[in-house]
Amino acid sequence: MFGEIKLKSLEIKKGTAFRLISLLESAIDSQGQTVDAAQISSVGNVPVNVPGDYPMMFYFIDPHSKMRVEGMTVIKITE
């Protein structure tokens, strides 16, 4: 079994605040155990006042396999 991160995409209006953790549907390690949100990191920048599509990567290090488990999603900022 491999670790996995499931993410949601998001579309918001310009200037709307949001929490990155709200994009996380689930994260499991290679043993099928739920990964605590505090163990998940994100990479990316979302300027909420500039319309466009912004990729965000989330990842954690699987405590059993020691491999990095990644997931990618897109945040769309509209006018």
N, C-alpha and C. Protein backbone atom coordinates (compact mmCIF):
# COMPACT_ATOMS: atom_id res chain seq x y z
N MET A 1 0.85 -1.19 0.00
CA MET A 1 0.00 0.00 0.00
C MET A 1 0.89 1.24 0.00
N PHE A 2 0.42 2.26 -0.67
CA PHE A 2 1.14 3.53 -0.74
C PHE A 2 0.36 4.61 0.02
N GLY A 3 1.07 5.62 0.51
CA GLY A 3 0.42 6.76 1.12
C GLY A 3 -0.31 7.57 0.06
N GLU A 4 -1.28 8.37 0.50
CA GLU A 4 -2.08 9.14 -0.46
C GLU A 4 -2.63 10.40 0.19
N ILE A 5 -2.68 11.46 -0.60
CA ILE A 5 -3.35 12.70 -0.20
C ILE A 5 -4.46 12.96 -1.20
N LYS A 6 -5.66 13.21 -0.71
CA LYS A 6 -6.79 13.59 -1.57
C LYS A 6 -7.12 15.04 -1.28
N LEU A 7 -7.20 15.85 -2.34
CA LEU A 7 -7.43 17.29 -2.21
C LEU A 7 -8.63 17.73 -3.02
N LYS A 8 -9.21 18.86 -2.62
CA LYS A 8 -10.30 19.49 -3.36
C LYS A 8 -9.72 20.69 -4.12
N SER A 9 -10.31 21.00 -5.25
CA SER A 9 -9.99 22.26 -5.92
C SER A 9 -10.89 23.33 -5.29
N LEU A 10 -10.59 24.58 -5.57
CA LEU A 10 -11.34 25.67 -4.97
C LEU A 10 -11.46 26.82 -5.95
N GLU A 11 -12.64 27.42 -6.02
CA GLU A 11 -12.85 28.63 -6.81
C GLU A 11 -13.47 29.67 -5.89
N ILE A 12 -12.79 30.83 -5.78
CA ILE A 12 -13.27 31.90 -4.92
C ILE A 12 -13.19 33.24 -5.64
N LYS A 13 -13.96 34.19 -5.16
CA LYS A 13 -13.91 35.54 -5.72
C LYS A 13 -12.70 36.28 -5.18
N LYS A 14 -12.19 37.19 -5.99
CA LYS A 14 -11.04 38.01 -5.63
C LYS A 14 -11.25 38.64 -4.26
N GLY A 15 -10.22 38.57 -3.41
CA GLY A 15 -10.26 39.17 -2.08
C GLY A 15 -10.85 38.30 -0.99
N THR A 16 -11.31 37.10 -1.34
CA THR A 16 -11.92 36.20 -0.36
C THR A 16 -10.84 35.42 0.39
N ALA A 17 -10.91 35.43 1.69
CA ALA A 17 -9.95 34.67 2.50
C ALA A 17 -10.38 33.20 2.54
N PHE A 18 -9.41 32.32 2.70
CA PHE A 18 -9.70 30.91 2.85
C PHE A 18 -8.57 30.26 3.65
N ARG A 19 -8.82 29.06 4.15
CA ARG A 19 -7.81 28.31 4.90
C ARG A 19 -7.31 27.17 4.02
N LEU A 20 -6.01 27.05 3.87
CA LEU A 20 -5.44 25.99 3.05
C LEU A 20 -5.90 24.61 3.49
N ILE A 21 -6.03 24.39 4.77
CA ILE A 21 -6.41 23.08 5.28
C ILE A 21 -7.79 22.67 4.78
N SER A 22 -8.61 23.63 4.37
CA SER A 22 -9.95 23.31 3.86
C SER A 22 -9.87 22.56 2.53
N LEU A 23 -8.72 22.56 1.87
CA LEU A 23 -8.55 21.85 0.60
C LEU A 23 -8.25 20.37 0.81
N LEU A 24 -7.92 19.98 2.02
CA LEU A 24 -7.55 18.60 2.32
C LEU A 24 -8.79 17.75 2.56
N GLU A 25 -8.97 16.72 1.72
CA GLU A 25 -10.06 15.76 1.95
C GLU A 25 -9.60 14.66 2.88
N SER A 26 -8.42 14.09 2.59
CA SER A 26 -7.89 13.03 3.45
C SER A 26 -6.42 12.80 3.14
N ALA A 27 -5.74 12.21 4.09
CA ALA A 27 -4.34 11.81 3.92
C ALA A 27 -4.14 10.53 4.71
N ILE A 28 -3.60 9.51 4.04
CA ILE A 28 -3.31 8.25 4.71
C ILE A 28 -1.88 7.83 4.42
N ASP A 29 -1.27 7.15 5.39
CA ASP A 29 0.09 6.69 5.20
C ASP A 29 0.08 5.29 4.57
N SER A 30 1.26 4.71 4.40
CA SER A 30 1.37 3.42 3.71
C SER A 30 0.81 2.25 4.52
N GLN A 31 0.46 2.49 5.77
CA GLN A 31 -0.17 1.46 6.60
C GLN A 31 -1.68 1.66 6.70
N GLY A 32 -2.21 2.65 5.95
CA GLY A 32 -3.65 2.91 5.96
C GLY A 32 -4.12 3.77 7.11
N GLN A 33 -3.19 4.36 7.85
CA GLN A 33 -3.55 5.21 8.98
C GLN A 33 -3.73 6.66 8.54
N THR A 34 -4.67 7.34 9.15
CA THR A 34 -4.90 8.76 8.85
C THR A 34 -3.71 9.59 9.30
N VAL A 35 -3.29 10.49 8.45
CA VAL A 35 -2.17 11.39 8.77
C VAL A 35 -2.75 12.67 9.37
N ASP A 36 -2.23 13.09 10.50
CA ASP A 36 -2.68 14.30 11.16
C ASP A 36 -2.37 15.52 10.29
N ALA A 37 -3.28 16.45 10.21
CA ALA A 37 -3.12 17.65 9.38
C ALA A 37 -1.85 18.43 9.76
N ALA A 38 -1.43 18.35 11.00
CA ALA A 38 -0.23 19.07 11.44
C ALA A 38 1.04 18.53 10.77
N GLN A 39 0.97 17.32 10.24
CA GLN A 39 2.13 16.70 9.57
C GLN A 39 2.18 17.02 8.08
N ILE A 40 1.19 17.74 7.58
CA ILE A 40 1.11 18.03 6.15
C ILE A 40 1.59 19.45 5.89
N SER A 41 2.46 19.57 4.91
CA SER A 41 3.01 20.88 4.51
C SER A 41 2.46 21.27 3.15
N SER A 42 2.51 22.55 2.85
CA SER A 42 2.04 23.04 1.54
C SER A 42 3.11 23.92 0.91
N VAL A 43 3.09 23.93 -0.41
CA VAL A 43 4.01 24.76 -1.18
C VAL A 43 3.20 25.47 -2.26
N GLY A 44 3.34 26.78 -2.34
CA GLY A 44 2.63 27.56 -3.35
C GLY A 44 2.24 28.91 -2.79
N ASN A 45 1.87 29.79 -3.67
CA ASN A 45 1.48 31.14 -3.28
C ASN A 45 0.18 31.48 -3.99
N VAL A 46 -0.79 31.95 -3.23
CA VAL A 46 -2.09 32.32 -3.80
C VAL A 46 -2.38 33.78 -3.47
N PRO A 47 -2.11 34.69 -4.42
CA PRO A 47 -2.44 36.10 -4.19
C PRO A 47 -3.95 36.30 -4.40
N VAL A 48 -4.71 36.32 -3.32
CA VAL A 48 -6.17 36.32 -3.42
C VAL A 48 -6.75 37.58 -4.07
N ASN A 49 -5.94 38.59 -4.30
CA ASN A 49 -6.43 39.80 -4.96
C ASN A 49 -6.09 39.85 -6.44
N VAL A 50 -5.51 38.76 -6.97
CA VAL A 50 -5.11 38.71 -8.39
C VAL A 50 -5.80 37.50 -9.04
N PRO A 51 -6.78 37.74 -9.94
CA PRO A 51 -7.46 36.62 -10.60
C PRO A 51 -6.47 35.73 -11.35
N GLY A 52 -6.76 34.43 -11.33
CA GLY A 52 -5.93 33.46 -12.03
C GLY A 52 -6.06 32.09 -11.39
N ASP A 53 -5.33 31.13 -11.97
CA ASP A 53 -5.29 29.77 -11.46
C ASP A 53 -3.94 29.54 -10.78
N TYR A 54 -3.97 29.08 -9.55
CA TYR A 54 -2.75 28.92 -8.76
C TYR A 54 -2.62 27.49 -8.25
N PRO A 55 -1.56 26.80 -8.64
CA PRO A 55 -1.36 25.43 -8.14
C PRO A 55 -0.85 25.45 -6.70
N MET A 56 -1.30 24.48 -5.94
CA MET A 56 -0.82 24.28 -4.56
C MET A 56 -0.46 22.81 -4.40
N MET A 57 0.72 22.57 -3.86
CA MET A 57 1.14 21.21 -3.58
C MET A 57 1.11 20.99 -2.07
N PHE A 58 0.61 19.83 -1.68
CA PHE A 58 0.60 19.41 -0.29
C PHE A 58 1.42 18.13 -0.19
N TYR A 59 2.12 17.94 0.92
CA TYR A 59 2.92 16.72 1.07
C TYR A 59 3.14 16.38 2.54
N PHE A 60 3.49 15.12 2.76
CA PHE A 60 3.94 14.65 4.07
C PHE A 60 4.96 13.56 3.84
N ILE A 61 5.77 13.30 4.85
CA ILE A 61 6.72 12.20 4.82
C ILE A 61 6.07 11.01 5.52
N ASP A 62 5.90 9.92 4.77
CA ASP A 62 5.29 8.72 5.33
C ASP A 62 6.19 8.18 6.44
N PRO A 63 5.66 8.01 7.66
CA PRO A 63 6.50 7.58 8.77
C PRO A 63 7.00 6.13 8.64
N HIS A 64 6.37 5.34 7.80
CA HIS A 64 6.75 3.93 7.65
C HIS A 64 7.71 3.73 6.48
N SER A 65 7.35 4.27 5.32
CA SER A 65 8.19 4.08 4.13
C SER A 65 9.28 5.14 4.01
N LYS A 66 9.12 6.24 4.76
CA LYS A 66 10.04 7.39 4.71
C LYS A 66 10.00 8.10 3.35
N MET A 67 9.00 7.81 2.55
CA MET A 67 8.85 8.46 1.24
C MET A 67 7.97 9.70 1.36
N ARG A 68 8.22 10.65 0.48
CA ARG A 68 7.41 11.87 0.42
C ARG A 68 6.15 11.55 -0.39
N VAL A 69 5.00 11.86 0.18
CA VAL A 69 3.71 11.65 -0.48
C VAL A 69 3.16 13.02 -0.83
N GLU A 70 2.85 13.22 -2.12
CA GLU A 70 2.43 14.54 -2.60
C GLU A 70 1.05 14.52 -3.23
N GLY A 71 0.40 15.66 -3.19
CA GLY A 71 -0.85 15.88 -3.89
C GLY A 71 -0.86 17.30 -4.41
N MET A 72 -1.54 17.51 -5.53
CA MET A 72 -1.59 18.84 -6.15
C MET A 72 -3.05 19.21 -6.42
N THR A 73 -3.34 20.48 -6.22
CA THR A 73 -4.67 21.00 -6.54
C THR A 73 -4.51 22.41 -7.11
N VAL A 74 -5.62 22.97 -7.57
CA VAL A 74 -5.59 24.32 -8.16
C VAL A 74 -6.64 25.19 -7.46
N ILE A 75 -6.23 26.41 -7.15
CA ILE A 75 -7.14 27.42 -6.60
C ILE A 75 -7.37 28.46 -7.67
N LYS A 76 -8.63 28.66 -8.01
CA LYS A 76 -8.98 29.63 -9.06
C LYS A 76 -9.55 30.88 -8.38
N ILE A 77 -8.93 32.02 -8.68
CA ILE A 77 -9.41 33.31 -8.18
C ILE A 77 -10.14 34.01 -9.33
N THR A 78 -11.39 34.38 -9.10
CA THR A 78 -12.19 35.04 -10.13
C THR A 78 -12.48 36.49 -9.75
N GLU A 79 -12.93 37.26 -10.73
CA GLU A 79 -13.26 38.69 -10.50
C GLU A 79 -14.43 38.85 -9.58
